[in-house]
Amino acid sequence: MSETRSVECTAPDIEEAIAEGLKQLDVSREKVIVEILEEPTRGLLGIGSRMARVRLTTTVPPRSERQEFVPSSVRQEQNLSSDEDEDGGYDDDEDDYAEVRVVVDESQLESEAQAGLKTLRELLDLMGVSANVQVERANTDSRTGRAPWVLHIHGDDLGVLIGHRGKTLAALQYVSRLIASRDLQQRAEFIVDVEGYKARRQEALERMAHRMAKEALRRRRTVEMEPMPPNERRIIHMALRDHPSVETVSKGEGNRRRVTIVPKR
């Protein structure tokens, strides 16, 4: 797509208006910026009711993002510079992590990391995937006060472990944590990553947050992002937490919950 297109749609509620706009533009949800022009109102006994009105504008990612390097092993599976993602039902709300601090020798691992490493290797073997797992310790999270273990999977042709928009990776982490927690008889909270996918995804989301904030200010309207899992919404909130001109609010329920970026008055 070489240029942007825009359409305004009305419907009884916002979701229906967005769906109609996507149909007219013939694009997927992650390829548009949504502006809420008017919220729907019911009125009194049907009198004075008002339809929802939205404007959808197709996006063209900045050149630097369109050419972002992605290893060949995952290039076909991922589009890290677009407005992605859905969580596939796995509610991992602590997956964002700071720059990894140190690679740890296996003899120095704590019980949680040992259980995670053992479980992950067994799962990969059962899946018939040939890969190496490296254990690292991330920096301390200012919110939780802990430094999570990160199990990095490295190898060739590992796109199958990431899946469409990271859903397979989310499932792999969920199952790994579940098995390790059972063995440990306590909750395991290690992070599973493949070829640095999550770190790059976090960087892409932070860039997207600032780009969308500029759009909200340029249009002087609330901009609504696509639905995201909790950990990705948190990245957006944190990226714009100290922004002087916009604020962020999560709206919606369940897997339709999303972040809206609102210009400050």
Protein backbone atom coordinates (compact mmCIF):
# COMPACT_ATOMS: atom_id res chain seq x y z
CA MET A 1 0.00 0.00 0.00
CA SER A 2 1.64 3.23 -1.15
CA GLU A 3 -0.81 5.86 0.06
CA THR A 4 -3.39 6.30 2.76
CA ARG A 5 -7.14 6.02 2.26
CA SER A 6 -9.88 7.18 4.61
CA VAL A 7 -13.56 6.45 5.12
CA GLU A 8 -16.21 7.54 7.64
CA CYS A 9 -18.90 5.11 8.77
CA THR A 10 -21.90 5.19 11.08
CA ALA A 11 -23.60 2.32 12.88
CA PRO A 12 -25.54 1.66 16.11
CA ASP A 13 -22.27 0.96 17.95
CA ILE A 14 -18.57 1.58 17.44
CA GLU A 15 -17.64 -2.03 16.62
CA GLU A 16 -20.20 -2.23 13.84
CA ALA A 17 -19.02 1.08 12.41
CA ILE A 18 -15.41 -0.13 12.43
CA ALA A 19 -16.41 -3.42 10.78
CA GLU A 20 -18.22 -1.53 8.01
CA GLY A 21 -15.19 0.69 7.45
CA LEU A 22 -12.86 -2.31 7.21
CA LYS A 23 -15.21 -3.86 4.68
CA GLN A 24 -15.25 -0.72 2.54
CA LEU A 25 -11.47 -0.33 2.66
CA ASP A 26 -10.92 -4.07 2.23
CA VAL A 27 -8.16 -4.17 4.85
CA SER A 28 -7.59 -5.90 8.19
CA ARG A 29 -7.98 -4.15 11.55
CA GLU A 30 -4.25 -3.76 12.17
CA LYS A 31 -3.84 -1.75 8.96
CA VAL A 32 -5.94 1.25 10.01
CA ILE A 33 -6.05 4.09 12.49
CA VAL A 34 -9.50 4.47 14.04
CA GLU A 35 -10.80 7.87 15.14
CA ILE A 36 -13.98 7.98 17.20
CA LEU A 37 -15.86 10.99 15.85
CA GLU A 38 -19.09 10.45 17.80
CA GLU A 39 -20.01 8.06 20.59
CA PRO A 40 -23.44 6.42 20.22
CA THR A 41 -26.25 7.56 22.52
CA ARG A 42 -29.60 5.89 23.13
CA GLY A 43 -31.60 9.00 23.82
CA LEU A 44 -34.85 8.96 25.79
CA LEU A 45 -37.45 6.47 24.57
CA GLY A 46 -35.64 6.40 21.28
CA ILE A 47 -35.83 10.18 20.89
CA GLY A 48 -32.52 11.98 20.44
CA SER A 49 -30.53 8.79 19.89
CA ARG A 50 -27.33 9.10 17.92
CA MET A 51 -25.35 6.63 15.88
CA ALA A 52 -21.67 5.93 16.40
CA ARG A 53 -19.47 7.61 13.79
CA VAL A 54 -15.85 6.67 13.15
CA ARG A 55 -13.16 7.49 10.64
CA LEU A 56 -10.77 4.76 9.47
CA THR A 57 -7.49 5.74 7.83
CA THR A 58 -5.11 3.20 6.35
CA THR A 59 -1.56 3.34 7.63
CA VAL A 60 1.77 3.30 5.84
CA PRO A 61 4.55 2.28 8.26
CA PRO A 62 7.63 4.54 8.27
CA ARG A 63 10.39 3.30 5.94
CA SER A 64 12.70 2.51 8.86
CA GLU A 65 10.08 0.13 10.26
CA ARG A 66 9.15 -1.44 6.92
CA GLN A 67 12.82 -2.39 6.46
CA GLU A 68 13.41 -3.52 10.03
CA PHE A 69 15.71 -6.56 10.12
CA VAL A 70 14.08 -9.84 11.05
CA PRO A 71 16.11 -13.08 11.08
CA SER A 72 15.33 -15.38 8.17
CA SER A 73 14.09 -18.05 10.58
CA VAL A 74 11.14 -15.94 11.57
CA ARG A 75 10.69 -13.48 8.69
CA GLN A 76 7.83 -15.34 7.07
CA GLU A 77 5.88 -15.60 10.31
CA GLN A 78 6.12 -12.08 11.64
CA ASN A 79 5.42 -8.47 10.72
CA LEU A 80 6.87 -6.70 13.72
CA SER A 81 6.36 -3.14 12.52
CA SER A 82 2.59 -3.27 12.14
CA ASP A 83 -0.18 -2.74 14.68
CA GLU A 84 -0.42 -6.35 15.81
CA ASP A 85 -1.52 -8.66 17.98
CA GLU A 86 -3.99 -10.84 19.76
CA ASP A 87 -3.10 -13.02 22.72
CA GLY A 88 -4.76 -16.20 21.55
CA GLY A 89 -6.31 -16.69 24.95
CA TYR A 90 -3.04 -16.70 26.93
CA ASP A 91 -3.08 -13.89 29.44
CA ASP A 92 0.66 -13.37 30.03
CA ASP A 93 0.70 -9.93 31.58
CA GLU A 94 4.37 -9.84 32.57
CA ASP A 95 6.17 -10.65 29.32
CA ASP A 96 7.71 -7.26 28.71
CA TYR A 97 11.23 -7.20 30.06
CA ALA A 98 14.17 -4.82 30.07
CA GLU A 99 17.48 -5.41 28.38
CA VAL A 100 18.85 -8.80 29.43
CA ARG A 101 21.70 -8.42 31.88
CA VAL A 102 23.71 -11.63 31.91
CA VAL A 103 23.89 -15.15 30.53
CA VAL A 104 23.88 -17.64 33.42
CA ASP A 105 25.72 -20.95 33.53
CA GLU A 106 23.39 -23.92 34.06
CA SER A 107 25.17 -24.89 37.32
CA GLN A 108 24.09 -21.54 38.81
CA LEU A 109 20.42 -21.70 37.95
CA GLU A 110 17.73 -21.40 40.59
CA SER A 111 15.03 -24.07 40.83
CA GLU A 112 12.53 -22.12 38.71
CA ALA A 113 14.99 -21.67 35.84
CA GLN A 114 16.11 -25.30 36.09
CA ALA A 115 12.52 -26.53 35.94
CA GLY A 116 11.75 -24.22 33.03
CA LEU A 117 14.84 -25.30 31.11
CA LYS A 118 14.09 -29.00 31.64
CA THR A 119 10.44 -28.60 30.66
CA LEU A 120 11.17 -26.52 27.57
CA ARG A 121 13.80 -28.93 26.29
CA GLU A 122 11.41 -31.86 26.73
CA LEU A 123 8.63 -30.03 24.90
CA LEU A 124 10.92 -29.10 22.02
CA ASP A 125 12.07 -32.72 21.78
CA LEU A 126 8.45 -33.93 21.69
CA MET A 127 7.73 -31.39 18.96
CA GLY A 128 10.68 -32.61 16.93
CA VAL A 129 12.32 -29.19 17.00
CA SER A 130 16.11 -29.02 17.04
CA ALA A 131 17.15 -25.89 18.95
CA ASN A 132 19.36 -24.59 21.73
CA VAL A 133 17.99 -22.98 24.89
CA GLN A 134 20.03 -20.27 26.60
CA VAL A 135 19.09 -18.99 30.05
CA GLU A 136 19.52 -15.32 30.88
CA ARG A 137 18.55 -13.08 33.77
CA ALA A 138 16.70 -9.89 32.90
CA ASN A 139 17.04 -6.63 34.79
CA THR A 140 14.79 -6.09 37.78
CA ASP A 141 11.28 -5.02 36.84
CA SER A 142 10.44 -1.75 38.61
CA ARG A 143 6.79 -2.78 38.91
CA THR A 144 7.22 -6.28 40.33
CA GLY A 145 10.61 -5.90 41.99
CA ARG A 146 11.86 -9.18 40.49
CA ALA A 147 14.33 -10.11 37.76
CA PRO A 148 12.67 -12.78 35.62
CA TRP A 149 14.49 -15.69 34.03
CA VAL A 150 14.40 -15.60 30.24
CA LEU A 151 14.69 -18.87 28.29
CA HIS A 152 15.91 -17.94 24.81
CA ILE A 153 15.41 -20.51 22.06
CA HIS A 154 17.94 -20.31 19.23
CA GLY A 155 18.18 -22.32 16.03
CA ASP A 156 17.23 -22.52 12.38
CA ASP A 157 13.73 -22.22 10.93
CA LEU A 158 12.03 -21.49 14.26
CA GLY A 159 9.12 -19.49 12.85
CA VAL A 160 6.93 -22.49 13.67
CA LEU A 161 7.53 -21.80 17.39
CA ILE A 162 6.34 -18.21 17.07
CA GLY A 163 3.29 -18.77 14.92
CA HIS A 164 0.91 -16.23 13.49
CA ARG A 165 1.33 -13.03 15.48
CA GLY A 166 3.12 -14.83 18.31
CA LYS A 167 0.24 -17.11 19.27
CA THR A 168 2.27 -20.33 19.21
CA LEU A 169 4.97 -18.75 21.37
CA ALA A 170 2.33 -17.60 23.86
CA ALA A 171 0.97 -21.14 24.03
CA LEU A 172 4.45 -22.64 24.42
CA GLN A 173 5.21 -20.33 27.34
CA TYR A 174 1.83 -21.04 28.93
CA VAL A 175 2.29 -24.82 28.77
CA SER A 176 5.93 -24.63 29.91
CA ARG A 177 4.99 -22.54 32.95
CA LEU A 178 2.09 -24.83 33.76
CA ILE A 179 4.23 -27.99 33.75
CA ALA A 180 7.10 -26.34 35.65
CA SER A 181 4.69 -24.92 38.26
CA ARG A 182 3.28 -28.40 38.85
CA ASP A 183 6.78 -29.84 39.32
CA LEU A 184 7.84 -27.00 41.63
CA GLN A 185 4.54 -26.88 43.53
CA GLN A 186 4.62 -23.11 43.13
CA ARG A 187 4.01 -20.59 40.39
CA ALA A 188 6.72 -20.39 37.72
CA GLU A 189 7.02 -17.02 35.96
CA PHE A 190 9.94 -17.43 33.57
CA ILE A 191 9.73 -15.94 30.08
CA VAL A 192 10.13 -17.94 26.88
CA ASP A 193 11.43 -16.14 23.81
CA VAL A 194 12.47 -17.21 20.31
CA GLU A 195 15.30 -15.43 18.50
CA GLY A 196 14.61 -12.19 20.43
CA TYR A 197 11.05 -11.90 19.09
CA LYS A 198 9.54 -10.41 22.26
CA ALA A 199 12.23 -7.78 22.68
CA ARG A 200 11.77 -6.64 19.09
CA ARG A 201 8.01 -6.71 19.50
CA GLN A 202 8.28 -4.46 22.56
CA GLU A 203 10.40 -1.98 20.63
CA ALA A 204 7.92 -2.01 17.72
CA LEU A 205 5.00 -1.36 20.09
CA GLU A 206 6.79 1.57 21.73
CA ARG A 207 7.46 3.14 18.33
CA MET A 208 3.86 2.54 17.31
CA ALA A 209 2.60 4.17 20.53
CA HIS A 210 4.50 7.37 19.80
CA ARG A 211 3.44 7.35 16.16
CA MET A 212 -0.22 6.99 17.13
CA ALA A 213 0.15 9.74 19.74
CA LYS A 214 1.35 12.08 16.99
CA GLU A 215 -1.70 11.10 14.91
CA ALA A 216 -4.04 11.86 17.82
CA LEU A 217 -2.47 15.28 18.30
CA ARG A 218 -2.42 16.07 14.58
CA ARG A 219 -6.10 15.17 14.20
CA ARG A 220 -7.04 16.52 17.65
CA ARG A 221 -9.19 13.45 18.22
CA THR A 222 -9.12 10.25 20.22
CA VAL A 223 -7.28 7.49 18.36
CA GLU A 224 -8.21 3.90 19.08
CA MET A 225 -5.67 1.11 18.71
CA GLU A 226 -6.43 -2.49 17.83
CA PRO A 227 -7.28 -5.04 20.56
CA MET A 228 -4.20 -6.26 22.42
CA PRO A 229 -3.42 -8.70 25.24
CA PRO A 230 -2.68 -7.20 28.69
CA ASN A 231 1.12 -7.25 28.41
CA GLU A 232 1.05 -5.34 25.12
CA ARG A 233 -1.46 -2.78 26.41
CA ARG A 234 0.85 -2.19 29.35
CA ILE A 235 3.74 -1.48 26.97
CA ILE A 236 1.62 1.18 25.24
CA HIS A 237 0.57 2.72 28.56
CA MET A 238 4.17 2.80 29.83
CA ALA A 239 5.53 4.24 26.59
CA LEU A 240 3.15 7.21 26.82
CA ARG A 241 2.95 7.51 30.60
CA ASP A 242 5.05 10.68 30.72
CA HIS A 243 3.83 12.17 27.44
CA PRO A 244 2.94 15.82 28.06
CA SER A 245 0.06 16.04 25.58
CA VAL A 246 -1.80 12.72 25.54
CA GLU A 247 -3.16 10.15 27.96
CA THR A 248 -4.06 6.51 27.46
CA VAL A 249 -7.17 4.61 28.52
CA SER A 250 -8.05 0.93 28.07
CA LYS A 251 -11.58 0.25 26.81
CA GLY A 252 -13.59 -2.82 25.92
CA GLU A 253 -14.01 -6.28 27.37
CA GLY A 254 -12.16 -9.57 27.02
CA ASN A 255 -10.20 -10.09 23.84
CA ARG A 256 -11.68 -6.87 22.40
CA ARG A 257 -10.01 -4.69 25.05
CA ARG A 258 -7.84 -1.97 23.49
CA VAL A 259 -5.94 1.23 24.24
CA THR A 260 -7.27 4.62 23.24
CA ILE A 261 -4.96 7.62 23.00
CA VAL A 262 -6.67 10.84 24.05
CA PRO A 263 -5.26 14.37 23.54
CA LYS A 264 -5.14 16.25 26.83
CA ARG A 265 -7.39 19.28 27.03
